[in-house]
Amino acid sequence: MPDLSPARDQQFRHMRDVARDIFTTALKNASIESAFARNVHCERRVLRIGDDLHDLDSYNRVFVVSIGKAAHTMVAALEAQVGGSLEGIVASPVEPASQVRGFRYFRGGHPTPTAESIRAANAILKSLTSLDSTSLAIFMISGGGSSVVEKPVVILKDTLKDDEISLPDLAATYRTLVHSGAPIAEINAIRKHLSAVKGGRLAQAAYPAQQVSILVSDVPDDTPDALASGPTMPDSSSIHDCERIAAKYGLVDQFPQSVADLFRQHALDETPKSDDPAFVRARWWTVLSNRVAIDKAAAAATRAGFAVEVDNSCDDWPYDKAAAYLLNRLRELRRTVSRVCLISGGEVTVTVRNGGVGGRNQQFALTCAEEISGDDITVLSAGTDGIDGNSPAAGAVVDGSTIARVDVRAGSVEAVRQALSGFNAYPLFDAIGDTVVTGPTGNNLRDLRILLAY
């Protein structure tokens, strides 16, 4: 049993606080407000986005579409630059603290689409198709957009029609994909080919308008078209990829019949690629990504007196494999440095087999807790959106005392293994006070894993 003397307990508490401070500092300094201040600026009605300049008065109409978990924050940041002359649609999984005049608001579903998600998609498509070559469409895309705005694609091959994919079937398909353990890029490849708004199809709807997309990314930097399933970008995935992914994870037999039939009959329609006319007048700018959050966390850890190493090798790895790899890497670094912080960005994958309360970050953290019992190591894993799975927490923080404290407060060390096997980590962490709770942040830059050895 680890030493939990008052002095030792105080040390553990202090290092948990340090890990929390590094995470919250990263959140604060990787904000949408600061990103817009750097990348978006409007003066005398000339709007700069990245390196592009748009004279707003040269367009007959400027229409804004903002979707995802950061939709409200992005609209507020854009309005702060441009003023109150904008119109558009906002679709987010949360209610806005306040509404911007000129915008219609929809609260779509997350992590599965709802009737409001479909209403949002219909409203956006109707508005975009009314634009012409004298119009400017400003898209602001963030994570969570895949389910918040959705509409099944029209399939006209054989006897299959779009109304054969009902909302319940669509939601069931999303649940199957989310629980499959597949990386987000593979999940979104399938979503794109089932959707009338994803995989570049919003760009097609807006053609021939001038288009610019502002991206707050929760996907790997090398797959920007996976963000919210790439509604405004050329799709790098194909029907063949979808069929391969479905076979890889045994998805066809898990899909509802209406969707399974599309795969069995090879009836999927291809998404628009880079040579589509819709992209001739389109530009995309990533203003925030996981890289920014990592850099801000690294700066905070350096100020706290740690030697910092960044290792994103385990992005999209299974949570248990990622835990073993990162802890081994941390211990290697500690052989040469007395105080070291290992930072890892991106997301780990979890194949959910039971219906517990938790998420990938808490599952990862609890796995680490078993491996570091009694050791001078602290691990924090949390989502920058403030949401981890189906729990009210963003993640959790563990250290060498976690297992001992579980034994004291939860009644048995066996509770850890039960929580892991049941994907039910949140109640355990909540009982010992080791959840990381921020509430929805209005941002979404993937996850941060912060490992401290001292």
Protein backbone atom coordinates (compact mmCIF):
# COMPACT_ATOMS: atom_id res chain seq x y z
CA MET A 1 0.00 0.00 0.00
CA PRO A 2 1.46 3.43 -0.94
CA ASP A 3 2.60 5.76 1.85
CA LEU A 4 -0.23 8.23 2.57
CA SER A 5 1.36 10.06 5.48
CA PRO A 6 0.29 13.72 5.79
CA ALA A 7 3.50 14.96 4.15
CA ARG A 8 3.23 12.47 1.29
CA ASP A 9 -0.46 13.18 0.81
CA GLN A 10 0.31 16.90 0.62
CA GLN A 11 2.89 16.27 -2.08
CA PHE A 12 0.41 14.28 -4.15
CA ARG A 13 -2.24 16.99 -3.73
CA HIS A 14 0.22 19.68 -4.80
CA MET A 15 1.20 17.85 -7.99
CA ARG A 16 -2.43 17.21 -8.89
CA ASP A 17 -2.98 20.96 -8.55
CA VAL A 18 0.05 21.63 -10.75
CA ALA A 19 -1.33 19.35 -13.47
CA ARG A 20 -4.72 21.06 -13.27
CA ASP A 21 -3.06 24.49 -13.50
CA ILE A 22 -1.12 23.47 -16.63
CA PHE A 23 -4.34 22.27 -18.26
CA THR A 24 -6.44 25.31 -17.35
CA THR A 25 -3.66 27.67 -18.45
CA ALA A 26 -3.54 25.92 -21.82
CA LEU A 27 -7.33 26.27 -22.16
CA LYS A 28 -7.22 29.96 -21.33
CA ASN A 29 -4.38 30.80 -23.72
CA ALA A 30 -5.64 28.66 -26.61
CA SER A 31 -8.93 30.53 -26.74
CA ILE A 32 -10.98 31.41 -29.79
CA GLU A 33 -10.85 35.07 -28.82
CA SER A 34 -7.04 35.08 -28.97
CA ALA A 35 -7.04 33.06 -32.21
CA PHE A 36 -9.40 35.52 -33.90
CA ALA A 37 -7.31 38.42 -32.65
CA ARG A 38 -4.33 36.90 -34.46
CA ASN A 39 -6.03 35.66 -37.63
CA VAL A 40 -9.24 37.62 -38.22
CA HIS A 41 -9.41 41.40 -38.43
CA CYS A 42 -11.83 43.89 -39.95
CA GLU A 43 -11.05 47.53 -40.64
CA ARG A 44 -13.09 49.89 -42.82
CA ARG A 45 -15.22 46.94 -43.96
CA VAL A 46 -12.19 45.01 -45.24
CA LEU A 47 -12.13 41.62 -43.53
CA ARG A 48 -8.80 39.83 -43.22
CA ILE A 49 -8.97 36.07 -42.67
CA GLY A 50 -5.52 34.53 -42.62
CA ASP A 51 -3.72 36.06 -45.60
CA ASP A 52 -6.91 36.81 -47.55
CA LEU A 53 -8.67 40.17 -47.76
CA HIS A 54 -12.42 40.50 -48.40
CA ASP A 55 -14.00 43.87 -49.11
CA LEU A 56 -17.41 43.22 -47.56
CA ASP A 57 -19.00 46.11 -49.46
CA SER A 58 -18.06 44.48 -52.78
CA TYR A 59 -20.51 41.60 -52.18
CA ASN A 60 -24.26 41.82 -52.66
CA ARG A 61 -24.70 39.42 -49.75
CA VAL A 62 -22.49 38.05 -46.95
CA PHE A 63 -23.83 34.92 -45.26
CA VAL A 64 -22.27 33.19 -42.24
CA VAL A 65 -22.66 29.53 -41.21
CA SER A 66 -21.18 28.57 -37.83
CA ILE A 67 -21.42 24.97 -36.65
CA GLY A 68 -20.04 22.77 -33.88
CA LYS A 69 -19.16 23.06 -30.21
CA ALA A 70 -17.39 26.39 -30.75
CA ALA A 71 -20.13 27.86 -32.96
CA HIS A 72 -21.37 30.45 -30.46
CA THR A 73 -17.91 31.60 -29.45
CA MET A 74 -16.85 32.01 -33.09
CA VAL A 75 -19.91 34.06 -34.00
CA ALA A 76 -19.33 36.34 -31.02
CA ALA A 77 -15.65 36.74 -32.00
CA LEU A 78 -16.55 37.52 -35.62
CA GLU A 79 -19.21 40.02 -34.60
CA ALA A 80 -16.68 41.75 -32.35
CA GLN A 81 -14.53 42.32 -35.46
CA VAL A 82 -17.17 43.10 -38.09
CA GLY A 83 -19.97 44.64 -36.05
CA GLY A 84 -23.68 43.98 -36.17
CA SER A 85 -24.13 43.83 -39.95
CA LEU A 86 -23.95 40.04 -40.36
CA GLU A 87 -26.61 37.42 -41.07
CA GLY A 88 -26.43 33.68 -40.88
CA ILE A 89 -27.16 30.43 -39.08
CA VAL A 90 -25.60 29.02 -35.91
CA ALA A 91 -25.87 25.32 -35.03
CA SER A 92 -24.39 24.03 -31.79
CA PRO A 93 -25.10 21.25 -29.26
CA VAL A 94 -25.50 23.85 -26.48
CA GLU A 95 -27.72 26.90 -25.98
CA PRO A 96 -26.05 30.29 -26.47
CA ALA A 97 -25.52 32.58 -23.50
CA SER A 98 -26.88 35.34 -25.77
CA GLN A 99 -27.88 35.61 -29.42
CA VAL A 100 -26.35 37.79 -32.12
CA ARG A 101 -28.85 39.81 -34.11
CA GLY A 102 -29.30 38.62 -37.68
CA PHE A 103 -28.65 34.94 -36.91
CA ARG A 104 -30.97 31.97 -36.63
CA TYR A 105 -30.07 29.43 -33.98
CA PHE A 106 -30.42 25.65 -33.90
CA ARG A 107 -29.47 23.27 -31.10
CA GLY A 108 -28.51 20.07 -32.87
CA GLY A 109 -27.78 16.76 -31.23
CA HIS A 110 -24.44 15.43 -30.00
CA PRO A 111 -23.04 12.79 -30.24
CA THR A 112 -25.98 11.62 -32.35
CA PRO A 113 -28.15 13.74 -34.67
CA THR A 114 -31.68 14.79 -33.73
CA ALA A 115 -34.65 16.27 -35.56
CA GLU A 116 -33.16 19.70 -34.81
CA SER A 117 -29.93 18.60 -36.56
CA ILE A 118 -31.94 17.90 -39.70
CA ARG A 119 -33.84 21.19 -39.40
CA ALA A 120 -30.50 23.00 -39.14
CA ALA A 121 -29.19 21.23 -42.24
CA ASN A 122 -32.31 22.06 -44.24
CA ALA A 123 -32.14 25.73 -43.24
CA ILE A 124 -28.44 25.97 -44.14
CA LEU A 125 -28.90 24.25 -47.51
CA LYS A 126 -31.85 26.49 -48.38
CA SER A 127 -29.89 29.63 -47.55
CA LEU A 128 -26.73 28.56 -49.37
CA THR A 129 -28.54 27.64 -52.57
CA SER A 130 -29.90 31.22 -52.73
CA LEU A 131 -26.34 32.66 -53.00
CA ASP A 132 -24.81 33.65 -56.33
CA SER A 133 -21.43 34.72 -57.69
CA THR A 134 -21.74 38.14 -56.04
CA SER A 135 -22.11 36.57 -52.57
CA LEU A 136 -19.59 35.66 -49.87
CA ALA A 137 -20.17 32.58 -47.71
CA ILE A 138 -18.19 32.55 -44.46
CA PHE A 139 -18.12 29.11 -42.86
CA MET A 140 -16.92 28.69 -39.28
CA ILE A 141 -16.41 25.01 -38.52
CA SER A 142 -15.54 23.33 -35.23
CA GLY A 143 -15.66 19.85 -33.72
CA GLY A 144 -19.01 18.28 -32.97
CA GLY A 145 -20.46 19.59 -36.21
CA SER A 146 -20.97 16.13 -37.68
CA SER A 147 -24.02 15.37 -35.55
CA VAL A 148 -25.19 18.95 -34.96
CA VAL A 149 -25.96 19.51 -38.66
CA GLU A 150 -27.05 16.45 -40.59
CA LYS A 151 -29.29 15.28 -43.42
CA PRO A 152 -29.19 11.89 -45.17
CA VAL A 153 -27.93 12.07 -48.72
CA VAL A 154 -30.31 11.41 -51.60
CA ILE A 155 -29.65 7.93 -52.98
CA LEU A 156 -31.33 7.15 -56.29
CA LYS A 157 -29.66 3.90 -57.26
CA ASP A 158 -31.82 0.80 -57.71
CA THR A 159 -34.86 1.12 -55.45
CA LEU A 160 -33.13 3.03 -52.67
CA LYS A 161 -34.31 6.51 -51.79
CA ASP A 162 -33.22 9.05 -49.24
CA ASP A 163 -36.30 8.59 -47.05
CA GLU A 164 -35.24 5.00 -46.34
CA ILE A 165 -32.65 6.36 -43.87
CA SER A 166 -34.90 7.52 -41.05
CA LEU A 167 -33.75 9.65 -38.13
CA PRO A 168 -33.71 6.62 -35.75
CA ASP A 169 -31.60 4.70 -38.29
CA LEU A 170 -29.28 7.67 -38.69
CA ALA A 171 -28.84 7.96 -34.91
CA ALA A 172 -28.23 4.21 -34.62
CA THR A 173 -25.57 4.44 -37.34
CA TYR A 174 -23.81 7.23 -35.45
CA ARG A 175 -23.84 5.20 -32.23
CA THR A 176 -22.36 2.21 -34.02
CA LEU A 177 -19.58 4.37 -35.48
CA VAL A 178 -18.79 6.18 -32.21
CA HIS A 179 -18.56 2.91 -30.27
CA SER A 180 -16.59 1.05 -32.93
CA GLY A 181 -13.16 2.12 -31.70
CA ALA A 182 -12.32 3.51 -35.15
CA PRO A 183 -10.28 6.74 -35.39
CA ILE A 184 -12.25 9.89 -36.13
CA ALA A 185 -11.00 10.15 -39.72
CA GLU A 186 -12.39 6.67 -40.50
CA ILE A 187 -15.66 7.38 -38.71
CA ASN A 188 -16.09 10.60 -40.66
CA ALA A 189 -15.28 8.97 -44.00
CA ILE A 190 -18.47 6.92 -43.62
CA ARG A 191 -20.48 9.85 -42.26
CA LYS A 192 -19.53 11.93 -45.31
CA HIS A 193 -20.84 9.39 -47.78
CA LEU A 194 -24.19 9.11 -45.99
CA SER A 195 -24.75 12.86 -45.74
CA ALA A 196 -26.15 15.66 -47.89
CA VAL A 197 -24.08 18.28 -46.03
CA LYS A 198 -20.71 16.63 -45.34
CA GLY A 199 -17.68 15.83 -47.49
CA GLY A 200 -17.79 19.14 -49.41
CA ARG A 201 -21.53 19.15 -50.05
CA LEU A 202 -22.13 22.47 -48.29
CA ALA A 203 -19.53 23.97 -50.63
CA GLN A 204 -21.46 22.54 -53.57
CA ALA A 205 -24.66 24.10 -52.22
CA ALA A 206 -22.97 27.51 -51.91
CA TYR A 207 -21.46 27.46 -55.43
CA PRO A 208 -20.85 29.83 -57.25
CA ALA A 209 -20.40 32.14 -54.23
CA GLN A 210 -16.95 33.12 -52.94
CA GLN A 211 -16.27 30.90 -49.93
CA VAL A 212 -13.92 31.06 -46.96
CA SER A 213 -13.81 28.61 -44.05
CA ILE A 214 -12.45 29.39 -40.59
CA LEU A 215 -11.51 26.15 -38.85
CA VAL A 216 -11.18 25.41 -35.12
CA SER A 217 -9.86 21.90 -35.45
CA ASP A 218 -10.36 18.83 -33.28
CA VAL A 219 -8.83 16.44 -35.82
CA PRO A 220 -5.22 15.55 -36.72
CA ASP A 221 -3.44 18.40 -38.50
CA ASP A 222 -2.87 16.28 -41.62
CA THR A 223 -6.59 15.48 -42.08
CA PRO A 224 -8.38 18.86 -41.98
CA ASP A 225 -11.26 17.51 -44.08
CA ALA A 226 -12.18 15.22 -41.18
CA LEU A 227 -13.22 18.26 -39.10
CA ALA A 228 -17.02 18.05 -38.68
CA SER A 229 -16.77 15.60 -41.61
CA GLY A 230 -15.44 18.30 -43.94
CA PRO A 231 -18.65 20.04 -45.09
CA THR A 232 -16.79 22.73 -47.07
CA MET A 233 -13.65 20.88 -48.19
CA PRO A 234 -12.78 18.41 -50.97
CA ASP A 235 -13.14 14.91 -49.58
CA SER A 236 -9.96 12.83 -49.47
CA SER A 237 -11.90 9.63 -48.70
CA SER A 238 -13.73 7.44 -51.18
CA ILE A 239 -16.52 4.89 -51.40
CA HIS A 240 -13.82 2.20 -51.48
CA ASP A 241 -12.44 3.56 -48.19
CA CYS A 242 -15.90 3.38 -46.62
CA GLU A 243 -16.38 -0.23 -47.65
CA ARG A 244 -12.89 -1.14 -46.39
CA ILE A 245 -13.49 0.58 -43.02
CA ALA A 246 -16.89 -1.07 -42.61
CA ALA A 247 -15.32 -4.47 -43.25
CA LYS A 248 -12.37 -3.75 -40.92
CA TYR A 249 -14.63 -3.13 -37.92
CA GLY A 250 -17.48 -5.48 -38.87
CA LEU A 251 -19.89 -2.55 -39.11
CA VAL A 252 -22.30 -3.65 -41.83
CA ASP A 253 -23.99 -6.26 -39.64
CA GLN A 254 -24.26 -3.65 -36.84
CA PHE A 255 -25.80 -0.93 -39.01
CA PRO A 256 -29.60 -0.65 -39.31
CA GLN A 257 -30.92 -2.34 -42.42
CA SER A 258 -31.43 0.84 -44.44
CA VAL A 259 -27.74 1.75 -44.09
CA ALA A 260 -26.45 -1.81 -44.30
CA ASP A 261 -28.28 -2.20 -47.64
CA LEU A 262 -26.36 0.77 -49.08
CA PHE A 263 -23.11 -1.06 -48.37
CA ARG A 264 -24.30 -4.49 -49.47
CA GLN A 265 -25.62 -3.09 -52.76
CA HIS A 266 -22.61 -0.76 -53.26
CA ALA A 267 -25.09 2.11 -53.57
CA LEU A 268 -23.15 4.93 -51.92
CA ASP A 269 -22.67 8.11 -53.96
CA GLU A 270 -19.17 9.60 -54.23
CA THR A 271 -18.39 12.90 -52.51
CA PRO A 272 -16.93 15.93 -54.37
CA LYS A 273 -13.17 15.92 -54.88
CA SER A 274 -10.62 18.70 -55.40
CA ASP A 275 -11.45 19.14 -59.10
CA ASP A 276 -15.09 20.01 -58.35
CA PRO A 277 -16.03 23.57 -59.48
CA ALA A 278 -17.36 24.28 -55.98
CA PHE A 279 -13.80 24.66 -54.69
CA VAL A 280 -12.45 27.05 -57.34
CA ARG A 281 -13.41 30.09 -55.25
CA ALA A 282 -12.96 28.47 -51.83
CA ARG A 283 -10.28 28.98 -49.17
CA TRP A 284 -9.72 27.40 -45.73
CA TRP A 285 -7.85 28.74 -42.71
CA THR A 286 -7.14 26.77 -39.53
CA VAL A 287 -6.96 29.37 -36.75
CA LEU A 288 -6.82 26.95 -33.81
CA SER A 289 -5.78 23.33 -33.44
CA ASN A 290 -4.50 20.85 -30.89
CA ARG A 291 -0.97 22.08 -31.64
CA VAL A 292 -1.78 25.46 -30.09
CA ALA A 293 -3.12 23.82 -26.91
CA ILE A 294 0.01 21.67 -26.69
CA ASP A 295 2.30 24.68 -27.07
CA LYS A 296 0.43 26.61 -24.35
CA ALA A 297 0.56 23.61 -21.99
CA ALA A 298 4.28 23.18 -22.66
CA ALA A 299 4.92 26.84 -21.84
CA ALA A 300 2.98 26.52 -18.57
CA ALA A 301 4.88 23.36 -17.58
CA THR A 302 8.21 25.06 -18.31
CA ARG A 303 7.24 27.96 -16.05
CA ALA A 304 6.40 25.40 -13.33
CA GLY A 305 9.98 24.12 -13.47
CA PHE A 306 9.62 21.01 -15.60
CA ALA A 307 11.70 19.86 -18.51
CA VAL A 308 9.09 19.38 -21.25
CA GLU A 309 8.83 16.73 -23.93
CA VAL A 310 5.99 16.47 -26.47
CA ASP A 311 5.07 13.08 -27.91
CA ASN A 312 1.94 12.69 -30.06
CA SER A 313 2.85 9.22 -31.33
CA CYS A 314 -0.16 7.61 -29.70
CA ASP A 315 -2.80 9.75 -31.41
CA ASP A 316 -5.76 7.50 -32.27
CA TRP A 317 -4.25 4.54 -30.39
CA PRO A 318 -6.37 2.35 -28.10
CA TYR A 319 -6.40 3.90 -24.62
CA ASP A 320 -4.58 1.02 -22.90
CA LYS A 321 -1.81 0.86 -25.49
CA ALA A 322 -1.39 4.64 -25.27
CA ALA A 323 -1.19 4.50 -21.45
CA ALA A 324 1.54 1.86 -21.51
CA TYR A 325 3.53 3.72 -24.15
CA LEU A 326 3.39 7.14 -22.49
CA LEU A 327 4.20 5.86 -18.99
CA ASN A 328 7.18 3.96 -20.36
CA ARG A 329 8.31 7.07 -22.21
CA LEU A 330 7.95 9.19 -19.07
CA ARG A 331 10.03 6.77 -17.02
CA GLU A 332 12.74 6.80 -19.68
CA LEU A 333 12.86 10.60 -19.54
CA ARG A 334 13.02 10.58 -15.73
CA ARG A 335 16.27 8.65 -15.81
CA THR A 336 18.03 11.78 -17.04
CA VAL A 337 15.82 14.60 -15.70
CA SER A 338 14.52 14.92 -12.13
CA ARG A 339 11.37 16.90 -12.99
CA VAL A 340 9.89 16.09 -16.37
CA CYS A 341 6.56 16.81 -18.07
CA LEU A 342 5.47 14.68 -21.01
CA ILE A 343 2.65 16.22 -23.04
CA SER A 344 0.63 14.25 -25.56
CA GLY A 345 -2.11 15.67 -27.76
CA GLY A 346 -4.85 14.15 -29.87
CA GLU A 347 -7.29 11.44 -28.88
CA VAL A 348 -7.19 7.83 -27.79
CA THR A 349 -9.84 5.35 -28.84
CA VAL A 350 -12.22 3.32 -26.69
CA THR A 351 -14.42 0.49 -27.87
CA VAL A 352 -17.38 0.74 -25.49
CA ARG A 353 -18.86 -2.64 -24.58
CA ASN A 354 -20.90 -1.64 -21.55
CA GLY A 355 -23.09 1.31 -20.69
CA GLY A 356 -21.20 3.04 -17.90
CA VAL A 357 -20.66 6.77 -17.29
CA GLY A 358 -17.31 8.11 -18.41
CA GLY A 359 -15.25 8.78 -21.50
CA ARG A 360 -11.93 8.08 -23.18
CA ASN A 361 -9.97 10.49 -20.96
CA GLN A 362 -11.20 8.98 -17.70
CA GLN A 363 -10.68 5.47 -19.05
CA PHE A 364 -7.08 6.39 -19.96
CA ALA A 365 -6.44 8.04 -16.59
CA LEU A 366 -7.80 5.10 -14.59
CA THR A 367 -5.65 2.70 -16.59
CA CYS A 368 -2.62 4.83 -15.71
CA ALA A 369 -3.59 4.86 -12.01
CA GLU A 370 -3.11 1.10 -11.78
CA GLU A 371 0.35 1.37 -13.33
CA ILE A 372 1.70 4.23 -11.18
CA SER A 373 0.44 3.23 -7.73
CA GLY A 374 2.96 4.45 -5.13
CA ASP A 375 5.11 6.23 -7.71
CA ASP A 376 5.93 9.95 -7.96
CA ILE A 377 3.92 10.38 -11.15
CA THR A 378 0.80 12.44 -11.86
CA VAL A 379 -1.31 12.03 -15.00
CA LEU A 380 -4.08 14.32 -16.23
CA SER A 381 -6.16 13.55 -19.30
CA ALA A 382 -8.99 15.84 -20.38
CA GLY A 383 -10.88 17.19 -23.37
CA THR A 384 -10.47 20.82 -24.32
CA ASP A 385 -14.21 21.01 -25.03
CA GLY A 386 -14.91 20.31 -21.35
CA ILE A 387 -16.82 17.12 -22.17
CA ASP A 388 -15.61 13.54 -21.78
CA GLY A 389 -17.97 10.94 -23.17
CA ASN A 390 -21.37 10.87 -21.47
CA SER A 391 -20.08 12.30 -18.17
CA PRO A 392 -20.22 15.87 -16.80
CA ALA A 393 -16.42 15.92 -16.52
CA ALA A 394 -13.73 16.95 -19.00
CA GLY A 395 -11.47 14.17 -17.74
CA ALA A 396 -9.58 13.15 -14.62
CA VAL A 397 -6.25 13.44 -12.80
CA VAL A 398 -4.52 10.48 -11.10
CA ASP A 399 -1.28 9.87 -9.24
CA GLY A 400 0.56 7.39 -7.07
CA SER A 401 -2.05 7.73 -4.32
CA THR A 402 -5.18 7.16 -6.44
CA ILE A 403 -5.50 3.41 -5.89
CA ALA A 404 -4.99 3.76 -2.12
CA ARG A 405 -7.61 6.53 -1.96
CA VAL A 406 -10.05 4.43 -3.96
CA ASP A 407 -9.56 1.62 -1.42
CA VAL A 408 -10.30 3.98 1.45
CA ARG A 409 -13.28 5.86 -0.05
CA ALA A 410 -14.82 3.51 -2.61
CA GLY A 411 -14.46 0.38 -0.49
CA SER A 412 -12.23 -1.85 -2.59
CA VAL A 413 -9.40 -1.80 -5.09
CA GLU A 414 -11.57 -4.16 -7.08
CA ALA A 415 -13.73 -1.10 -7.81
CA VAL A 416 -11.01 0.09 -10.21
CA ARG A 417 -11.15 -3.04 -12.33
CA GLN A 418 -14.93 -3.02 -12.29
CA ALA A 419 -14.95 0.61 -13.43
CA LEU A 420 -12.50 -0.16 -16.24
CA SER A 421 -14.35 -3.22 -17.50
CA GLY A 422 -17.67 -1.38 -17.28
CA PHE A 423 -16.34 1.85 -18.88
CA ASN A 424 -17.72 3.46 -15.74
CA ALA A 425 -14.81 5.58 -14.49
CA TYR A 426 -16.71 8.78 -13.71
CA PRO A 427 -18.52 7.62 -10.52
CA LEU A 428 -15.23 6.39 -9.08
CA PHE A 429 -13.35 9.61 -9.85
CA ASP A 430 -16.26 11.69 -8.61
CA ALA A 431 -16.23 9.81 -5.30
CA ILE A 432 -12.55 10.62 -4.64
CA GLY A 433 -12.65 14.17 -6.03
CA ASP A 434 -10.31 13.58 -8.98
CA THR A 435 -12.53 14.60 -11.88
CA VAL A 436 -11.51 17.57 -14.00
CA VAL A 437 -14.64 19.68 -14.43
CA THR A 438 -14.66 22.82 -16.57
CA GLY A 439 -18.15 22.77 -18.07
CA PRO A 440 -18.50 23.24 -21.85
CA THR A 441 -15.66 25.55 -22.89
CA GLY A 442 -17.03 26.83 -26.18
CA ASN A 443 -13.86 25.46 -27.78
CA ASN A 444 -12.80 22.08 -29.10
CA LEU A 445 -9.11 21.30 -29.79
CA ARG A 446 -9.04 17.56 -29.06
CA ASP A 447 -7.57 16.18 -25.80
CA LEU A 448 -4.49 16.89 -23.72
CA ARG A 449 -2.60 14.30 -21.68
CA ILE A 450 -0.19 15.79 -19.15
CA LEU A 451 2.19 13.38 -17.38
CA LEU A 452 4.46 14.65 -14.59
CA ALA A 453 7.36 12.79 -12.97
CA TYR A 454 9.14 14.39 -10.02
